């Protein structure tokens, strides 16, 4: 199975299998930063990133704590949490030594109504961007309606569309070709649970840390 870009919540296993993944065509691995559990295995640490970069594979970053899961039941997508997450991710990228221009993709991993987008998501992303050091850029992961709203508010630099095509506006956004990254369905490669990702053929900059 040939995959050029993947995202995985298991950075250590990605690093351990990086030569195998590279031999299968991998060009970039998108890893997680969890503001609610930075010490946990899900959050990318420097040894894993160094190993991936040394193998000649780029690294991208996604920010996710609860990600608005269970219909925003954890109350983690709002202005207060956006300020916390933006500051934490900026600090984490600094500690890792990420270069200026690196993009962090905050996540809303849940379908979102227009009411939720306006009342929860837009305040979250505005606060995140204000708290994020200016040397880093902000993308977004979520449903099509969310990405469309963030585009309209001029809050994001890059757009990563969830693989859940039943979510609000996602099919239309996919068909519009406005996305920069399009997530595929979950798979297992080299024994690792991953999501394969498609990158837009019309773009060359996805905010990854280049090897």
N, C-alpha and C. Protein backbone atom coordinates (compact mmCIF):
# COMPACT_ATOMS: atom_id res chain seq x y z
N UNK A 1 0.85 -1.19 0.00
CA UNK A 1 0.00 0.00 0.00
C UNK A 1 0.88 1.24 0.00
N UNK A 2 0.79 2.04 -1.04
CA UNK A 2 1.62 3.24 -1.17
C UNK A 2 0.88 4.46 -0.62
N UNK A 3 1.50 5.13 0.36
CA UNK A 3 0.91 6.31 0.98
C UNK A 3 1.97 7.41 1.03
N UNK A 4 1.66 8.57 0.49
CA UNK A 4 2.62 9.68 0.49
C UNK A 4 2.55 10.49 1.78
N UNK A 5 1.35 10.65 2.34
CA UNK A 5 1.16 11.43 3.57
C UNK A 5 0.23 10.64 4.49
N UNK A 6 0.55 10.63 5.77
CA UNK A 6 -0.31 9.98 6.75
C UNK A 6 -0.41 10.84 7.99
N UNK A 7 -1.47 10.60 8.78
CA UNK A 7 -1.52 11.16 10.12
C UNK A 7 -1.72 10.02 11.09
N UNK A 8 -1.08 10.13 12.25
CA UNK A 8 -1.10 9.06 13.23
C UNK A 8 -0.95 9.61 14.64
N UNK A 9 -1.71 9.05 15.61
CA UNK A 9 -1.55 9.44 17.01
C UNK A 9 -0.47 8.63 17.72
N UNK A 10 0.38 7.96 16.95
CA UNK A 10 1.39 7.07 17.53
C UNK A 10 2.78 7.44 17.00
N UNK A 11 3.32 8.58 17.42
CA UNK A 11 4.58 9.06 16.83
C UNK A 11 5.76 8.12 17.02
N UNK A 12 5.80 7.44 18.15
CA UNK A 12 6.95 6.55 18.39
C UNK A 12 6.96 5.37 17.43
N UNK A 13 5.78 4.81 17.15
CA UNK A 13 5.73 3.69 16.21
C UNK A 13 5.99 4.16 14.78
N UNK A 14 5.52 5.34 14.44
CA UNK A 14 5.84 5.89 13.12
C UNK A 14 7.35 6.04 12.97
N UNK A 15 7.99 6.57 14.01
CA UNK A 15 9.45 6.74 13.96
C UNK A 15 10.15 5.40 13.86
N UNK A 16 9.66 4.40 14.61
CA UNK A 16 10.31 3.10 14.60
C UNK A 16 10.19 2.40 13.25
N UNK A 17 9.10 2.69 12.52
CA UNK A 17 8.87 2.04 11.22
C UNK A 17 9.13 2.98 10.04
N UNK A 18 9.86 4.07 10.29
CA UNK A 18 9.95 5.11 9.27
C UNK A 18 10.64 4.63 8.00
N UNK A 19 11.64 3.77 8.11
CA UNK A 19 12.32 3.28 6.90
C UNK A 19 11.37 2.41 6.07
N UNK A 20 10.57 1.58 6.74
CA UNK A 20 9.58 0.77 6.03
C UNK A 20 8.54 1.65 5.35
N UNK A 21 8.07 2.67 6.08
CA UNK A 21 7.07 3.58 5.52
C UNK A 21 7.64 4.37 4.35
N UNK A 22 8.87 4.80 4.48
CA UNK A 22 9.50 5.56 3.40
C UNK A 22 9.65 4.69 2.16
N UNK A 23 9.99 3.44 2.35
CA UNK A 23 10.13 2.52 1.22
C UNK A 23 8.80 2.31 0.50
N UNK A 24 7.70 2.55 1.21
CA UNK A 24 6.37 2.42 0.62
C UNK A 24 5.87 3.74 0.03
N UNK A 25 6.75 4.75 0.02
CA UNK A 25 6.41 6.01 -0.64
C UNK A 25 6.12 7.18 0.26
N UNK A 26 6.25 7.02 1.59
CA UNK A 26 5.88 8.10 2.50
C UNK A 26 6.78 9.32 2.32
N UNK A 27 6.14 10.49 2.20
CA UNK A 27 6.84 11.77 2.08
C UNK A 27 6.68 12.66 3.31
N UNK A 28 5.56 12.49 4.04
CA UNK A 28 5.30 13.34 5.20
C UNK A 28 4.42 12.60 6.20
N UNK A 29 4.72 12.81 7.49
CA UNK A 29 3.92 12.24 8.58
C UNK A 29 3.38 13.40 9.42
N UNK A 30 2.07 13.43 9.61
CA UNK A 30 1.43 14.46 10.44
C UNK A 30 1.21 13.86 11.82
N UNK A 31 1.78 14.52 12.83
CA UNK A 31 1.76 14.02 14.21
C UNK A 31 0.98 14.98 15.11
N UNK A 32 0.63 14.49 16.29
CA UNK A 32 -0.26 15.22 17.18
C UNK A 32 0.48 15.97 18.28
N UNK A 33 -0.12 17.09 18.68
CA UNK A 33 0.20 17.78 19.92
C UNK A 33 -1.11 17.85 20.71
N UNK A 34 -1.11 17.27 21.93
CA UNK A 34 -2.32 17.28 22.75
C UNK A 34 -2.16 18.28 23.88
N UNK A 35 -2.87 19.40 23.85
CA UNK A 35 -2.73 20.40 24.92
C UNK A 35 -3.19 19.89 26.28
N UNK A 36 -4.06 18.88 26.31
CA UNK A 36 -4.56 18.39 27.59
C UNK A 36 -3.69 17.27 28.15
N UNK A 37 -2.75 16.75 27.35
CA UNK A 37 -1.87 15.68 27.83
C UNK A 37 -0.54 15.71 27.07
N UNK A 38 0.24 16.78 27.25
CA UNK A 38 1.49 16.88 26.50
C UNK A 38 2.49 15.78 26.82
N UNK A 39 2.42 15.21 28.00
CA UNK A 39 3.37 14.15 28.37
C UNK A 39 2.96 12.79 27.81
N UNK A 40 1.74 12.68 27.29
CA UNK A 40 1.24 11.39 26.82
C UNK A 40 1.88 10.93 25.52
N UNK A 41 1.67 9.66 25.21
CA UNK A 41 2.27 9.06 24.01
C UNK A 41 1.78 9.68 22.72
N UNK A 42 0.58 10.27 22.74
CA UNK A 42 0.01 10.85 21.52
C UNK A 42 0.77 12.09 21.07
N UNK A 43 1.32 12.84 22.01
CA UNK A 43 2.02 14.08 21.68
C UNK A 43 3.42 13.79 21.15
N UNK A 44 3.74 14.36 20.00
CA UNK A 44 5.04 14.13 19.35
C UNK A 44 6.17 14.72 20.19
N UNK A 45 7.19 13.92 20.41
CA UNK A 45 8.37 14.34 21.16
C UNK A 45 9.57 14.43 20.21
N UNK A 46 10.62 15.09 20.67
CA UNK A 46 11.76 15.37 19.80
C UNK A 46 12.44 14.11 19.24
N UNK A 47 12.64 13.05 20.03
CA UNK A 47 13.32 11.88 19.45
C UNK A 47 12.59 11.29 18.24
N UNK A 48 11.27 11.21 18.31
CA UNK A 48 10.51 10.68 17.17
C UNK A 48 10.62 11.61 15.97
N UNK A 49 10.49 12.90 16.21
CA UNK A 49 10.57 13.86 15.10
C UNK A 49 11.95 13.84 14.47
N UNK A 50 12.98 13.78 15.29
CA UNK A 50 14.35 13.75 14.76
C UNK A 50 14.57 12.51 13.90
N UNK A 51 14.05 11.37 14.33
CA UNK A 51 14.21 10.13 13.57
C UNK A 51 13.48 10.21 12.22
N UNK A 52 12.29 10.80 12.23
CA UNK A 52 11.51 10.91 10.99
C UNK A 52 12.20 11.87 10.01
N UNK A 53 12.64 13.01 10.51
CA UNK A 53 13.33 13.97 9.65
C UNK A 53 14.63 13.39 9.11
N UNK A 54 15.37 12.66 9.96
CA UNK A 54 16.65 12.08 9.54
C UNK A 54 16.46 11.06 8.43
N UNK A 55 15.28 10.46 8.37
CA UNK A 55 14.99 9.48 7.32
C UNK A 55 14.59 10.15 6.01
N UNK A 56 14.50 11.48 6.02
CA UNK A 56 14.13 12.19 4.80
C UNK A 56 12.63 12.32 4.59
N UNK A 57 11.88 12.30 5.71
CA UNK A 57 10.42 12.44 5.66
C UNK A 57 10.04 13.73 6.40
N UNK A 58 9.15 14.52 5.82
CA UNK A 58 8.70 15.76 6.44
C UNK A 58 7.74 15.46 7.59
N UNK A 59 7.57 16.45 8.49
CA UNK A 59 6.68 16.29 9.65
C UNK A 59 5.68 17.45 9.68
N UNK A 60 4.40 17.10 9.84
CA UNK A 60 3.36 18.09 10.04
C UNK A 60 2.78 17.95 11.45
N UNK A 61 1.98 18.94 11.86
CA UNK A 61 1.47 18.95 13.24
C UNK A 61 -0.02 19.27 13.27
N UNK A 62 -0.74 18.47 14.07
CA UNK A 62 -2.15 18.71 14.32
C UNK A 62 -2.34 18.87 15.82
N UNK A 63 -3.17 19.82 16.22
CA UNK A 63 -3.47 20.05 17.64
C UNK A 63 -4.83 19.44 17.96
N UNK A 64 -4.83 18.52 18.93
CA UNK A 64 -6.11 17.94 19.34
C UNK A 64 -6.04 17.48 20.78
N UNK A 65 -6.96 17.99 21.59
CA UNK A 65 -7.20 17.45 22.91
C UNK A 65 -8.36 16.49 22.79
N UNK A 66 -9.58 16.99 23.09
CA UNK A 66 -10.78 16.22 22.80
C UNK A 66 -11.28 16.47 21.39
N UNK A 67 -10.93 17.62 20.84
CA UNK A 67 -11.32 17.92 19.46
C UNK A 67 -12.81 18.12 19.26
N UNK A 68 -13.50 18.52 20.33
CA UNK A 68 -14.94 18.74 20.18
C UNK A 68 -15.75 17.47 20.05
N UNK A 69 -15.15 16.32 20.41
CA UNK A 69 -15.82 15.03 20.22
C UNK A 69 -17.08 14.92 21.07
N UNK A 70 -17.91 13.94 20.69
CA UNK A 70 -19.20 13.70 21.37
C UNK A 70 -20.07 14.95 21.38
N UNK A 71 -20.10 15.60 20.23
CA UNK A 71 -20.94 16.79 20.04
C UNK A 71 -20.58 17.89 21.04
N UNK A 72 -19.25 18.11 21.18
CA UNK A 72 -18.70 19.19 22.00
C UNK A 72 -18.99 19.00 23.49
N UNK A 73 -19.16 17.75 23.90
CA UNK A 73 -19.53 17.46 25.29
C UNK A 73 -18.45 17.86 26.28
N UNK A 74 -17.17 17.90 25.85
CA UNK A 74 -16.07 18.19 26.76
C UNK A 74 -15.81 19.69 26.92
N UNK A 75 -16.57 20.50 26.21
CA UNK A 75 -16.48 21.97 26.32
C UNK A 75 -15.04 22.45 26.09
N UNK A 76 -14.42 21.91 25.06
CA UNK A 76 -13.01 22.23 24.78
C UNK A 76 -12.83 23.07 23.52
N UNK A 77 -13.94 23.41 22.85
CA UNK A 77 -13.86 24.27 21.67
C UNK A 77 -14.59 25.57 22.00
N UNK A 78 -13.83 26.57 22.44
CA UNK A 78 -14.35 27.88 22.80
C UNK A 78 -13.16 28.82 22.89
N UNK A 79 -13.41 30.09 23.13
CA UNK A 79 -12.32 31.08 23.12
C UNK A 79 -11.29 30.80 24.21
N UNK A 80 -11.74 30.41 25.39
CA UNK A 80 -10.81 30.15 26.49
C UNK A 80 -9.84 29.01 26.14
N UNK A 81 -10.39 27.94 25.61
CA UNK A 81 -9.55 26.80 25.24
C UNK A 81 -8.69 27.11 24.01
N UNK A 82 -9.19 27.94 23.12
CA UNK A 82 -8.38 28.34 21.98
C UNK A 82 -7.13 29.09 22.40
N UNK A 83 -7.28 29.99 23.37
CA UNK A 83 -6.11 30.72 23.88
C UNK A 83 -5.12 29.77 24.54
N UNK A 84 -5.63 28.84 25.33
CA UNK A 84 -4.76 27.85 25.97
C UNK A 84 -4.02 27.00 24.93
N UNK A 85 -4.75 26.50 23.95
CA UNK A 85 -4.18 25.58 22.97
C UNK A 85 -3.18 26.28 22.05
N UNK A 86 -3.50 27.50 21.65
CA UNK A 86 -2.56 28.23 20.79
C UNK A 86 -1.26 28.51 21.49
N UNK A 87 -1.33 28.92 22.77
CA UNK A 87 -0.11 29.20 23.53
C UNK A 87 0.69 27.93 23.76
N UNK A 88 0.01 26.84 24.11
CA UNK A 88 0.70 25.60 24.38
C UNK A 88 1.37 25.05 23.13
N UNK A 89 0.65 25.08 22.00
CA UNK A 89 1.23 24.55 20.76
C UNK A 89 2.42 25.40 20.30
N UNK A 90 2.32 26.71 20.46
CA UNK A 90 3.46 27.56 20.12
C UNK A 90 4.66 27.23 20.97
N UNK A 91 4.45 27.06 22.27
CA UNK A 91 5.55 26.69 23.17
C UNK A 91 6.12 25.33 22.78
N UNK A 92 5.26 24.38 22.46
CA UNK A 92 5.74 23.04 22.11
C UNK A 92 6.56 23.07 20.82
N UNK A 93 6.09 23.80 19.83
CA UNK A 93 6.84 23.91 18.58
C UNK A 93 8.19 24.58 18.81
N UNK A 94 8.21 25.57 19.69
CA UNK A 94 9.49 26.22 20.05
C UNK A 94 10.45 25.20 20.66
N UNK A 95 9.94 24.40 21.61
CA UNK A 95 10.79 23.43 22.29
C UNK A 95 11.31 22.36 21.33
N UNK A 96 10.51 22.03 20.34
CA UNK A 96 10.93 21.04 19.35
C UNK A 96 11.95 21.61 18.37
N UNK A 97 11.98 22.95 18.25
CA UNK A 97 12.87 23.58 17.28
C UNK A 97 12.26 23.71 15.90
N UNK A 98 10.93 23.71 15.82
CA UNK A 98 10.25 23.81 14.53
C UNK A 98 10.60 25.13 13.85
N UNK A 99 10.84 25.11 12.56
CA UNK A 99 11.21 26.35 11.86
C UNK A 99 10.04 27.30 11.71
N UNK A 100 10.36 28.57 11.54
CA UNK A 100 9.33 29.58 11.26
C UNK A 100 8.57 29.17 10.00
N UNK A 101 7.27 29.43 10.02
CA UNK A 101 6.42 29.07 8.89
C UNK A 101 5.74 27.72 9.04
N UNK A 102 6.15 26.93 10.04
CA UNK A 102 5.49 25.66 10.29
C UNK A 102 4.02 25.91 10.63
N UNK A 103 3.15 25.05 10.13
CA UNK A 103 1.71 25.18 10.36
C UNK A 103 1.26 24.18 11.42
N UNK A 104 0.42 24.65 12.33
CA UNK A 104 -0.28 23.77 13.27
C UNK A 104 -1.75 23.76 12.88
N UNK A 105 -2.33 22.57 12.79
CA UNK A 105 -3.72 22.41 12.38
C UNK A 105 -4.59 22.09 13.61
N UNK A 106 -5.22 23.08 14.26
CA UNK A 106 -6.19 22.77 15.31
C UNK A 106 -7.35 21.96 14.73
N UNK A 107 -7.90 21.10 15.57
CA UNK A 107 -8.87 20.10 15.11
C UNK A 107 -10.24 20.30 15.73
N UNK A 108 -11.26 20.21 14.87
CA UNK A 108 -12.63 20.01 15.35
C UNK A 108 -13.07 18.68 14.76
N UNK A 109 -12.89 17.62 15.53
CA UNK A 109 -13.12 16.26 15.05
C UNK A 109 -14.55 15.83 15.37
N UNK A 110 -15.49 16.62 14.87
CA UNK A 110 -16.91 16.39 15.12
C UNK A 110 -17.68 17.17 14.06
N UNK A 111 -18.82 16.67 13.68
CA UNK A 111 -19.69 17.46 12.82
C UNK A 111 -20.06 18.74 13.56
N UNK A 112 -20.32 19.80 12.82
CA UNK A 112 -20.61 21.09 13.46
C UNK A 112 -21.73 21.80 12.71
N UNK A 113 -22.72 22.21 13.44
CA UNK A 113 -23.81 23.00 12.87
C UNK A 113 -23.34 24.45 12.70
N UNK A 114 -24.11 25.22 11.97
CA UNK A 114 -23.77 26.64 11.81
C UNK A 114 -23.77 27.35 13.17
N UNK A 115 -24.71 26.99 14.03
CA UNK A 115 -24.75 27.59 15.36
C UNK A 115 -23.49 27.26 16.15
N UNK A 116 -23.04 26.01 16.10
CA UNK A 116 -21.82 25.62 16.79
C UNK A 116 -20.58 26.26 16.17
N UNK A 117 -20.57 26.38 14.86
CA UNK A 117 -19.44 27.03 14.18
C UNK A 117 -19.33 28.48 14.63
N UNK A 118 -20.45 29.19 14.61
CA UNK A 118 -20.42 30.61 14.97
C UNK A 118 -20.19 30.84 16.47
N UNK A 119 -20.81 29.99 17.30
CA UNK A 119 -20.75 30.22 18.74
C UNK A 119 -19.55 29.62 19.44
N UNK A 120 -18.98 28.53 18.87
CA UNK A 120 -17.89 27.83 19.53
C UNK A 120 -16.60 27.82 18.70
N UNK A 121 -16.73 27.41 17.44
CA UNK A 121 -15.53 27.17 16.63
C UNK A 121 -14.81 28.45 16.22
N UNK A 122 -15.53 29.42 15.71
CA UNK A 122 -14.87 30.66 15.29
C UNK A 122 -14.19 31.36 16.46
N UNK A 123 -14.84 31.46 17.64
CA UNK A 123 -14.11 32.04 18.79
C UNK A 123 -12.88 31.22 19.17
N UNK A 124 -12.95 29.90 19.06
CA UNK A 124 -11.79 29.06 19.36
C UNK A 124 -10.63 29.38 18.43
N UNK A 125 -10.89 29.43 17.15
CA UNK A 125 -9.82 29.66 16.19
C UNK A 125 -9.26 31.08 16.26
N UNK A 126 -10.13 32.05 16.53
CA UNK A 126 -9.63 33.42 16.70
C UNK A 126 -8.67 33.51 17.89
N UNK A 127 -9.06 32.92 19.00
CA UNK A 127 -8.22 32.96 20.19
C UNK A 127 -6.94 32.16 20.00
N UNK A 128 -7.04 31.03 19.32
CA UNK A 128 -5.86 30.21 19.05
C UNK A 128 -4.86 31.02 18.24
N UNK A 129 -5.33 31.69 17.20
CA UNK A 129 -4.42 32.43 16.34
C UNK A 129 -3.75 33.58 17.09
N UNK A 130 -4.50 34.26 17.94
CA UNK A 130 -3.93 35.35 18.72
C UNK A 130 -2.86 34.86 19.69
N UNK A 131 -3.03 33.65 20.23
CA UNK A 131 -2.09 33.10 21.20
C UNK A 131 -0.88 32.43 20.55
N UNK A 132 -1.02 32.05 19.29
CA UNK A 132 0.06 31.36 18.58
C UNK A 132 1.15 32.36 18.20
N UNK A 133 2.42 32.07 18.48
CA UNK A 133 3.48 32.98 18.06
C UNK A 133 3.41 33.29 16.58
N UNK A 134 3.69 34.53 16.22
CA UNK A 134 3.50 34.99 14.85
C UNK A 134 4.37 34.26 13.85
N UNK A 135 5.45 33.63 14.31
CA UNK A 135 6.33 32.93 13.37
C UNK A 135 5.73 31.63 12.86
N UNK A 136 4.68 31.13 13.53
CA UNK A 136 4.01 29.92 13.07
C UNK A 136 2.69 30.28 12.39
N UNK A 137 2.24 29.39 11.54
CA UNK A 137 0.98 29.61 10.82
C UNK A 137 -0.09 28.64 11.34
N UNK A 138 -1.35 28.98 11.08
CA UNK A 138 -2.46 28.16 11.56
C UNK A 138 -3.28 27.64 10.40
N UNK A 139 -3.51 26.34 10.42
CA UNK A 139 -4.45 25.72 9.51
C UNK A 139 -5.70 25.33 10.28
N UNK A 140 -6.46 24.39 9.74
CA UNK A 140 -7.62 23.86 10.45
C UNK A 140 -7.98 22.51 9.87
N UNK A 141 -8.46 21.63 10.76
CA UNK A 141 -9.00 20.33 10.37
C UNK A 141 -10.46 20.29 10.80
N UNK A 142 -11.33 19.86 9.90
CA UNK A 142 -12.72 19.75 10.28
C UNK A 142 -13.62 19.50 9.10
N UNK A 143 -14.90 19.74 9.30
CA UNK A 143 -15.89 19.53 8.25
C UNK A 143 -15.85 20.68 7.24
N UNK A 144 -16.49 20.46 6.12
CA UNK A 144 -16.46 21.46 5.06
C UNK A 144 -17.06 22.79 5.45
N UNK A 145 -18.18 22.77 6.20
CA UNK A 145 -18.81 24.02 6.60
C UNK A 145 -17.91 24.83 7.51
N UNK A 146 -17.18 24.16 8.39
CA UNK A 146 -16.24 24.86 9.26
C UNK A 146 -15.12 25.49 8.45
N UNK A 147 -14.53 24.74 7.53
CA UNK A 147 -13.44 25.29 6.72
C UNK A 147 -13.94 26.45 5.87
N UNK A 148 -15.15 26.35 5.36
CA UNK A 148 -15.72 27.44 4.57
C UNK A 148 -15.88 28.70 5.43
N UNK A 149 -16.35 28.53 6.66
CA UNK A 149 -16.52 29.68 7.56
C UNK A 149 -15.18 30.29 7.93
N UNK A 150 -14.17 29.45 8.18
CA UNK A 150 -12.85 29.96 8.52
C UNK A 150 -12.21 30.67 7.33
N UNK A 151 -12.46 30.16 6.13
CA UNK A 151 -12.02 30.86 4.92
C UNK A 151 -12.64 32.25 4.86
N UNK A 152 -13.95 32.30 5.10
CA UNK A 152 -14.65 33.58 5.02
C UNK A 152 -14.17 34.58 6.05
N UNK A 153 -13.76 34.08 7.20
CA UNK A 153 -13.26 34.96 8.27
C UNK A 153 -11.76 35.24 8.12
N UNK A 154 -11.15 34.65 7.12
CA UNK A 154 -9.72 34.83 6.84
C UNK A 154 -8.86 34.50 8.07
N UNK A 155 -9.19 33.39 8.69
CA UNK A 155 -8.48 32.99 9.91
C UNK A 155 -7.41 31.94 9.68
N UNK A 156 -7.47 31.23 8.56
CA UNK A 156 -6.57 30.10 8.37
C UNK A 156 -5.73 30.26 7.11
N UNK A 157 -4.56 29.62 7.17
CA UNK A 157 -3.65 29.61 6.02
C UNK A 157 -3.82 28.35 5.18
N UNK A 158 -4.19 27.23 5.81
CA UNK A 158 -4.32 25.96 5.10
C UNK A 158 -5.51 25.18 5.62
N UNK A 159 -6.05 24.28 4.78
CA UNK A 159 -7.32 23.62 5.05
C UNK A 159 -7.17 22.11 4.93
N UNK A 160 -7.55 21.39 5.99
CA UNK A 160 -7.47 19.93 6.01
C UNK A 160 -8.88 19.40 6.24
N UNK A 161 -9.43 18.76 5.23
CA UNK A 161 -10.82 18.29 5.27
C UNK A 161 -10.90 16.88 5.84
N UNK A 162 -11.76 16.70 6.85
CA UNK A 162 -11.99 15.39 7.46
C UNK A 162 -12.50 14.39 6.43
N UNK A 163 -12.28 13.10 6.73
CA UNK A 163 -12.77 12.05 5.83
C UNK A 163 -14.25 11.76 5.99
N UNK A 164 -14.91 12.41 6.94
CA UNK A 164 -16.33 12.14 7.20
C UNK A 164 -17.19 12.95 6.22
N UNK A 165 -17.52 12.34 5.09
CA UNK A 165 -18.23 13.06 4.04
C UNK A 165 -19.69 13.33 4.38
N UNK A 166 -20.20 12.69 5.44
CA UNK A 166 -21.56 12.97 5.87
C UNK A 166 -21.68 14.21 6.74
N UNK A 167 -20.54 14.79 7.11
CA UNK A 167 -20.57 15.98 7.97
C UNK A 167 -20.96 17.22 7.17
N UNK A 168 -21.34 18.25 7.89
CA UNK A 168 -21.88 19.49 7.33
C UNK A 168 -20.95 20.10 6.26
N UNK A 169 -21.42 20.12 5.03
CA UNK A 169 -20.72 20.79 3.95
C UNK A 169 -19.49 20.08 3.41
N UNK A 170 -19.21 18.86 3.86
CA UNK A 170 -17.93 18.24 3.50
C UNK A 170 -17.87 17.79 2.05
N UNK A 171 -18.94 17.21 1.54
CA UNK A 171 -18.91 16.78 0.13
C UNK A 171 -18.73 17.97 -0.80
N UNK A 172 -19.45 19.05 -0.53
CA UNK A 172 -19.34 20.23 -1.38
C UNK A 172 -17.95 20.84 -1.29
N UNK A 173 -17.37 20.85 -0.10
CA UNK A 173 -16.03 21.42 0.05
C UNK A 173 -15.00 20.54 -0.64
N UNK A 174 -15.18 19.23 -0.52
CA UNK A 174 -14.28 18.32 -1.24
C UNK A 174 -14.35 18.59 -2.74
N UNK A 175 -15.55 18.71 -3.26
CA UNK A 175 -15.72 18.90 -4.70
C UNK A 175 -15.25 20.27 -5.16
N UNK A 176 -15.21 21.24 -4.25
CA UNK A 176 -14.76 22.59 -4.61
C UNK A 176 -13.26 22.66 -4.85
N UNK A 177 -12.53 21.65 -4.36
CA UNK A 177 -11.06 21.60 -4.48
C UNK A 177 -10.37 22.71 -3.70
N UNK A 178 -11.06 23.30 -2.74
CA UNK A 178 -10.43 24.34 -1.92
C UNK A 178 -9.50 23.77 -0.85
N UNK A 179 -9.64 22.49 -0.56
CA UNK A 179 -8.83 21.87 0.48
C UNK A 179 -7.37 21.77 0.05
N UNK A 180 -6.50 21.78 1.06
CA UNK A 180 -5.08 21.54 0.84
C UNK A 180 -4.71 20.10 1.14
N UNK A 181 -5.37 19.53 2.17
CA UNK A 181 -5.18 18.13 2.54
C UNK A 181 -6.56 17.50 2.67
N UNK A 182 -6.70 16.29 2.12
CA UNK A 182 -7.96 15.55 2.20
C UNK A 182 -7.68 14.22 2.89
N UNK A 183 -8.31 14.02 4.04
CA UNK A 183 -8.07 12.80 4.81
C UNK A 183 -8.81 11.63 4.20
N UNK A 184 -8.12 10.46 4.17
CA UNK A 184 -8.74 9.23 3.71
C UNK A 184 -9.22 8.39 4.87
N UNK A 185 -9.77 7.22 4.56
CA UNK A 185 -10.31 6.33 5.58
C UNK A 185 -9.18 5.61 6.32
N UNK A 186 -9.41 5.32 7.59
CA UNK A 186 -8.40 4.71 8.44
C UNK A 186 -7.89 3.40 7.84
N UNK A 187 -6.60 3.16 8.06
CA UNK A 187 -5.97 1.96 7.53
C UNK A 187 -4.88 1.52 8.50
N UNK A 188 -4.32 0.35 8.27
CA UNK A 188 -3.17 -0.12 9.03
C UNK A 188 -2.03 -0.37 8.05
N UNK A 189 -0.91 0.29 8.29
CA UNK A 189 0.27 0.17 7.44
C UNK A 189 1.47 -0.11 8.33
N UNK A 190 2.24 -1.13 7.96
CA UNK A 190 3.40 -1.54 8.76
C UNK A 190 3.04 -1.77 10.22
N UNK A 191 1.81 -2.24 10.44
CA UNK A 191 1.35 -2.53 11.79
C UNK A 191 0.90 -1.33 12.58
N UNK A 192 0.81 -0.16 11.94
CA UNK A 192 0.45 1.09 12.62
C UNK A 192 -0.92 1.55 12.15
N UNK A 193 -1.76 1.98 13.07
CA UNK A 193 -3.05 2.57 12.71
C UNK A 193 -2.81 4.00 12.22
N UNK A 194 -3.22 4.26 10.99
CA UNK A 194 -3.00 5.58 10.40
C UNK A 194 -4.23 6.00 9.60
N UNK A 195 -4.27 7.28 9.25
CA UNK A 195 -5.18 7.78 8.23
C UNK A 195 -4.33 8.22 7.05
N UNK A 196 -4.56 7.70 5.86
CA UNK A 196 -3.85 8.20 4.70
C UNK A 196 -4.42 9.56 4.29
N UNK A 197 -3.57 10.42 3.80
CA UNK A 197 -4.01 11.76 3.41
C UNK A 197 -3.58 12.08 1.99
N UNK A 198 -4.47 12.73 1.28
CA UNK A 198 -4.18 13.19 -0.08
C UNK A 198 -3.85 14.68 -0.02
N UNK A 199 -2.79 15.09 -0.70
CA UNK A 199 -2.46 16.51 -0.74
C UNK A 199 -2.85 17.08 -2.10
N UNK A 200 -3.23 18.34 -2.10
CA UNK A 200 -3.68 18.98 -3.33
C UNK A 200 -2.57 19.00 -4.38
N UNK A 201 -2.86 18.55 -5.59
CA UNK A 201 -1.83 18.55 -6.63
C UNK A 201 -1.50 19.94 -7.15
N UNK A 202 -2.29 20.94 -6.76
CA UNK A 202 -2.06 22.31 -7.25
C UNK A 202 -1.25 23.14 -6.27
N UNK A 203 -0.86 22.55 -5.12
CA UNK A 203 -0.12 23.29 -4.10
C UNK A 203 1.17 22.57 -3.73
N UNK A 204 2.12 23.32 -3.24
CA UNK A 204 3.40 22.75 -2.83
C UNK A 204 3.72 23.01 -1.36
N UNK A 205 3.01 23.93 -0.73
CA UNK A 205 3.28 24.30 0.66
C UNK A 205 2.13 23.84 1.54
N UNK A 206 2.42 22.91 2.45
CA UNK A 206 1.41 22.42 3.37
C UNK A 206 1.79 22.71 4.82
N UNK A 207 2.83 23.52 5.00
CA UNK A 207 3.23 23.90 6.33
C UNK A 207 4.01 22.85 7.09
N UNK A 208 4.53 21.86 6.37
CA UNK A 208 5.29 20.80 7.03
C UNK A 208 6.71 21.26 7.36
N UNK A 209 7.27 20.65 8.39
CA UNK A 209 8.68 20.84 8.74
C UNK A 209 9.47 19.99 7.75
N UNK A 210 10.21 20.66 6.89
CA UNK A 210 10.91 19.95 5.81
C UNK A 210 12.17 19.29 6.35
N UNK A 211 12.42 18.09 5.87
CA UNK A 211 13.59 17.33 6.33
C UNK A 211 14.89 17.95 5.79
